[in-house]
Amino acid sequence: MVYDLRKDYLAEGFSAEAAAEFDSEETVALLEAAIRANGFKVDRIGHGRHLVKRLAGGSRWDLVFNVAEGVHG
């Protein structure tokens, strides 16, 4: 699961307004629980930079559930 946590962007210096659309840990946990309740395994990846690192390291998935907002593009 790919997601953007509000707290991560606030820690990087984004304003509260700029980070307002990003998810809370509670939201991510609820999404994870719903996916698991339907019989799927969940691998929390985090935001785009974490995804790139994991892919470069050889990680592969059959499906990636993307709730990341992103900041560019």
Protein backbone atom coordinates (compact mmCIF):
# COMPACT_ATOMS: atom_id res chain seq x y z
CA MET A 1 0.00 0.00 0.00
CA VAL A 2 1.40 3.37 -1.06
CA TYR A 3 0.30 6.43 0.92
CA ASP A 4 1.42 9.88 2.06
CA LEU A 5 1.34 10.52 5.80
CA ARG A 6 0.64 14.09 6.84
CA LYS A 7 3.19 13.87 9.67
CA ASP A 8 5.99 12.94 7.23
CA TYR A 9 5.40 16.04 5.13
CA LEU A 10 5.06 18.29 8.18
CA ALA A 11 8.43 16.93 9.37
CA GLU A 12 9.92 17.85 5.97
CA GLY A 13 8.83 21.46 6.46
CA PHE A 14 5.54 21.55 4.57
CA SER A 15 2.97 23.93 6.04
CA ALA A 16 -0.15 22.53 7.69
CA GLU A 17 -2.16 23.85 4.75
CA ALA A 18 0.12 22.20 2.17
CA ALA A 19 -0.05 18.88 4.04
CA ALA A 20 -3.79 19.01 4.75
CA GLU A 21 -4.78 16.47 2.08
CA PHE A 22 -2.29 13.83 3.19
CA ASP A 23 -3.45 10.90 5.31
CA SER A 24 -3.26 10.31 9.04
CA GLU A 25 -1.85 7.11 10.52
CA GLU A 26 -5.40 6.26 11.60
CA THR A 27 -6.69 6.45 8.02
CA VAL A 28 -3.90 4.22 6.74
CA ALA A 29 -4.53 1.70 9.55
CA LEU A 30 -8.26 1.59 8.73
CA LEU A 31 -7.55 1.03 5.04
CA GLU A 32 -5.05 -1.70 5.90
CA ALA A 33 -7.59 -3.42 8.17
CA ALA A 34 -10.26 -3.32 5.46
CA ILE A 35 -7.91 -4.83 2.89
CA ARG A 36 -6.80 -7.56 5.32
CA ALA A 37 -10.45 -8.28 6.23
CA ASN A 38 -10.98 -9.19 2.58
CA GLY A 39 -8.23 -11.81 2.70
CA PHE A 40 -5.31 -9.86 1.25
CA LYS A 41 -1.79 -9.44 2.62
CA VAL A 42 -0.74 -5.83 3.09
CA ASP A 43 2.79 -4.52 2.76
CA ARG A 44 2.95 -0.89 3.89
CA ILE A 45 5.31 0.84 1.50
CA GLY A 46 4.78 4.51 2.32
CA HIS A 47 5.25 7.39 -0.08
CA GLY A 48 6.85 7.47 -3.54
CA ARG A 49 10.46 7.62 -2.41
CA HIS A 50 9.96 4.48 -0.33
CA LEU A 51 8.36 2.78 -3.33
CA VAL A 52 11.32 3.63 -5.56
CA LYS A 53 13.79 2.31 -2.95
CA ARG A 54 11.83 -0.91 -2.55
CA LEU A 55 11.61 -1.45 -6.31
CA ALA A 56 15.34 -0.77 -6.70
CA GLY A 57 15.96 -3.32 -3.94
CA GLY A 58 14.04 -5.98 -5.84
CA SER A 59 10.65 -5.89 -4.12
CA ARG A 60 7.73 -6.84 -6.34
CA TRP A 61 3.98 -7.05 -5.77
CA ASP A 62 1.01 -8.39 -7.70
CA LEU A 63 -1.01 -5.27 -6.91
CA VAL A 64 -0.25 -1.91 -5.30
CA PHE A 65 -3.12 -0.08 -3.61
CA ASN A 66 -2.27 3.59 -4.11
CA VAL A 67 -3.80 6.29 -1.93
CA ALA A 68 -0.79 8.62 -2.25
CA GLU A 69 -1.59 12.22 -3.11
CA GLY A 70 1.90 13.33 -4.15
CA VAL A 71 3.13 16.90 -4.38
CA HIS A 72 4.00 17.35 -8.06
CA GLY A 73 2.38 16.42 -11.34
